[in-house]
Protein backbone atom coordinates (compact mmCIF):
# COMPACT_ATOMS: atom_id res chain seq x y z
CA UNK A 1 -16.07 19.29 -29.78
CA UNK A 2 -17.24 15.36 -29.25
CA UNK A 3 -13.82 14.22 -28.00
CA UNK A 4 -14.36 10.71 -26.56
CA UNK A 5 -13.25 10.37 -22.83
CA UNK A 6 -14.76 6.94 -21.92
CA UNK A 7 -16.67 4.43 -22.41
CA UNK A 8 -18.68 1.83 -20.06
CA UNK A 9 -21.62 -0.81 -20.77
CA UNK A 10 -24.94 -0.59 -18.42
CA UNK A 11 -27.07 -3.91 -19.97
CA UNK A 12 -25.33 -5.11 -22.60
CA UNK A 13 -25.22 -0.97 -23.82
CA UNK A 14 -22.35 1.05 -24.54
CA UNK A 15 -22.19 4.27 -22.34
CA UNK A 16 -19.48 7.04 -24.01
CA UNK A 17 -18.72 9.85 -22.07
CA UNK A 18 -17.08 13.38 -23.92
CA UNK A 19 -17.08 16.42 -24.06
CA UNK A 20 -19.34 18.79 -25.89
CA UNK A 21 -19.91 22.27 -26.41
CA UNK A 22 -21.82 23.88 -23.68
CA UNK A 23 -24.39 26.16 -25.70
CA UNK A 24 -25.07 22.67 -27.21
CA UNK A 25 -26.36 21.00 -23.55
CA UNK A 26 -29.73 19.92 -23.77
CA UNK A 27 -31.71 22.21 -20.85
CA UNK A 28 -34.38 19.52 -20.40
CA UNK A 29 -31.13 17.77 -17.99
CA UNK A 30 -29.93 20.64 -16.46
CA UNK A 31 -33.12 21.93 -14.87
CA UNK A 32 -33.63 18.90 -14.03
CA UNK A 33 -30.36 19.66 -11.38
CA UNK A 34 -30.28 23.38 -11.40
CA UNK A 35 -34.68 25.04 -11.69
CA UNK A 36 -33.90 28.19 -12.79
CA UNK A 37 -32.42 29.47 -16.24
CA UNK A 38 -31.42 32.23 -15.07
CA UNK A 39 -29.00 30.48 -12.86
CA UNK A 40 -27.72 27.99 -15.75
CA UNK A 41 -27.29 30.62 -18.05
CA UNK A 42 -24.69 32.79 -15.31
CA UNK A 43 -22.51 29.52 -15.78
CA UNK A 44 -23.13 27.69 -19.24
CA UNK A 45 -21.74 30.15 -20.99
CA UNK A 46 -18.18 29.58 -19.22
CA UNK A 47 -18.24 26.39 -18.37
CA UNK A 48 -16.68 22.83 -19.70
CA UNK A 49 -19.51 20.25 -20.35
CA UNK A 50 -19.09 16.10 -20.37
CA UNK A 51 -22.30 14.14 -21.40
CA UNK A 52 -22.83 10.31 -21.16
CA UNK A 53 -24.42 8.75 -24.25
CA UNK A 54 -26.22 5.84 -25.51
CA UNK A 55 -26.50 5.33 -29.08
CA UNK A 56 -27.58 8.59 -30.06
CA UNK A 57 -29.17 10.17 -27.20
CA UNK A 58 -27.43 11.97 -24.08
CA UNK A 59 -28.64 10.48 -20.70
CA UNK A 60 -26.54 12.73 -18.48
CA UNK A 61 -24.54 15.27 -18.31
CA UNK A 62 -21.73 16.97 -15.30
CA UNK A 63 -21.30 20.71 -16.40
CA UNK A 64 -17.82 22.49 -14.14
CA UNK A 65 -16.62 25.51 -14.34
CA UNK A 66 -13.67 27.14 -12.41
CA UNK A 67 -12.82 29.78 -10.13
CA UNK A 68 -10.44 30.73 -9.17
CA UNK A 69 -6.65 28.97 -10.94
CA UNK A 70 -6.89 26.36 -8.36
CA UNK A 71 -10.27 25.72 -7.40
CA UNK A 72 -13.33 23.89 -10.24
CA UNK A 73 -17.02 23.63 -9.24
CA UNK A 74 -19.32 20.94 -10.62
CA UNK A 75 -22.84 23.05 -10.91
CA UNK A 76 -24.56 20.50 -12.16
CA UNK A 77 -24.99 17.13 -12.46
CA UNK A 78 -28.15 15.13 -13.09
CA UNK A 79 -29.03 11.77 -15.03
CA UNK A 80 -31.98 10.92 -17.00
CA UNK A 81 -34.37 9.36 -14.71
CA UNK A 82 -34.73 5.85 -15.95
CA UNK A 83 -30.95 6.22 -16.34
CA UNK A 84 -30.49 6.60 -12.52
CA UNK A 85 -28.62 3.30 -10.10
CA UNK A 86 -26.64 2.53 -12.96
CA UNK A 87 -23.68 4.10 -12.27
CA UNK A 88 -24.01 6.97 -14.67
CA UNK A 89 -23.55 9.72 -12.27
CA UNK A 90 -20.45 8.20 -10.52
CA UNK A 91 -18.70 7.60 -14.31
CA UNK A 92 -19.49 11.13 -14.70
CA UNK A 93 -17.69 12.23 -11.72
CA UNK A 94 -14.72 9.97 -12.35
CA UNK A 95 -14.71 12.15 -16.08
CA UNK A 96 -14.16 15.89 -14.06
CA UNK A 97 -11.89 13.70 -11.05
CA UNK A 98 -9.81 12.80 -13.99
CA UNK A 99 -8.86 16.68 -15.56
CA UNK A 100 -8.74 18.09 -12.19
CA UNK A 101 -5.24 17.32 -11.73
CA UNK A 102 -4.12 18.73 -14.80
CA UNK A 103 -5.40 21.48 -15.10
CA UNK A 104 -3.86 22.76 -11.71
CA UNK A 105 -6.69 22.44 -9.61
CA UNK A 106 -6.24 21.77 -5.67
CA UNK A 107 -9.55 21.71 -5.08
CA UNK A 108 -13.32 20.69 -6.34
CA UNK A 109 -16.24 21.74 -5.00
CA UNK A 110 -19.70 20.15 -5.65
CA UNK A 111 -23.73 21.61 -3.43
CA UNK A 112 -26.96 19.73 -3.06
CA UNK A 113 -29.83 20.47 -1.05
CA UNK A 114 -29.79 18.68 2.34
CA UNK A 115 -33.24 16.88 1.51
CA UNK A 116 -30.56 14.58 -1.23
CA UNK A 117 -29.68 11.48 0.40
CA UNK A 118 -28.54 9.69 -2.42
CA UNK A 119 -26.58 12.16 -3.91
CA UNK A 120 -24.90 13.10 0.03
CA UNK A 121 -23.59 9.53 0.31
CA UNK A 122 -22.09 9.54 -3.53
CA UNK A 123 -19.99 12.43 -2.82
CA UNK A 124 -18.79 10.76 0.02
CA UNK A 125 -17.83 7.57 -1.46
CA UNK A 126 -15.70 9.38 -3.89
CA UNK A 127 -14.15 11.09 -1.43
CA UNK A 128 -15.84 14.70 -1.18
CA UNK A 129 -16.04 16.27 2.88
CA UNK A 130 -17.93 18.48 3.72
CA UNK A 131 -17.13 21.81 3.91
CA UNK A 132 -20.26 24.53 4.23
CA UNK A 133 -23.69 24.78 5.07
CA UNK A 134 -25.35 27.67 4.02
CA UNK A 135 -28.98 27.46 5.83
CA UNK A 136 -32.25 28.64 4.38
CA UNK A 137 -30.64 28.91 0.76
CA UNK A 138 -33.26 26.83 -0.76
CA UNK A 139 -35.75 28.76 1.20
CA UNK A 140 -34.56 32.76 0.22
CA UNK A 141 -33.93 31.05 -3.07
CA UNK A 142 -37.21 28.75 -4.23
CA UNK A 143 -39.93 30.38 -4.38
CA UNK A 144 -41.71 27.15 -4.07
CA UNK A 145 -41.36 24.65 -1.60
CA UNK A 146 -39.03 21.68 -2.34
CA UNK A 147 -39.61 17.64 -1.35
CA UNK A 148 -37.64 14.73 -1.78
CA UNK A 149 -37.26 12.27 -0.12
CA UNK A 150 -40.15 13.48 2.18
CA UNK A 151 -38.08 15.88 3.20
CA UNK A 152 -38.05 19.80 3.08
CA UNK A 153 -35.51 21.01 1.01
CA UNK A 154 -34.04 23.99 2.59
CA UNK A 155 -30.32 23.97 3.13
CA UNK A 156 -27.47 23.69 1.01
CA UNK A 157 -24.06 21.63 1.85
CA UNK A 158 -21.11 22.35 0.37
CA UNK A 159 -17.98 19.19 -0.76
CA UNK A 160 -15.01 19.76 -0.85
CA UNK A 161 -12.54 17.28 -2.44
CA UNK A 162 -8.74 18.33 -2.36
CA UNK A 163 -5.82 17.29 -5.09
């Protein structure tokens, strides 16, 4: 696909955002946000994928999926560790957000861990509101305990943005 979406600059380096074929999505980035191959394989083929590219390297991605005629879900949002904090995730969210009304969406949802402090803030600053908390979601879905920001990851927090 490789259709150019938007570009911006970080430290004088151009970052392109464009759509790719979901089957060409870099697994290493997908696994940053979703550590389960089975989970990724359950949604990736039916999804749309936007990537952020610096020079020839993909440094971030956002995967979104049509759930119903009027609802889409962000399934995966990841940025390489050394490129975080530079507005890349925000730009990827903005690119998906700009597609929602033309696609006929009335709602976009996204879920994250209770321990993902940066994401909790990002989603709310972007206009998402907490709609649901799935208690003990990660305790039952993950074999090993996940610690993030000194917090035990237990609950999945679902956000929604209405259009």
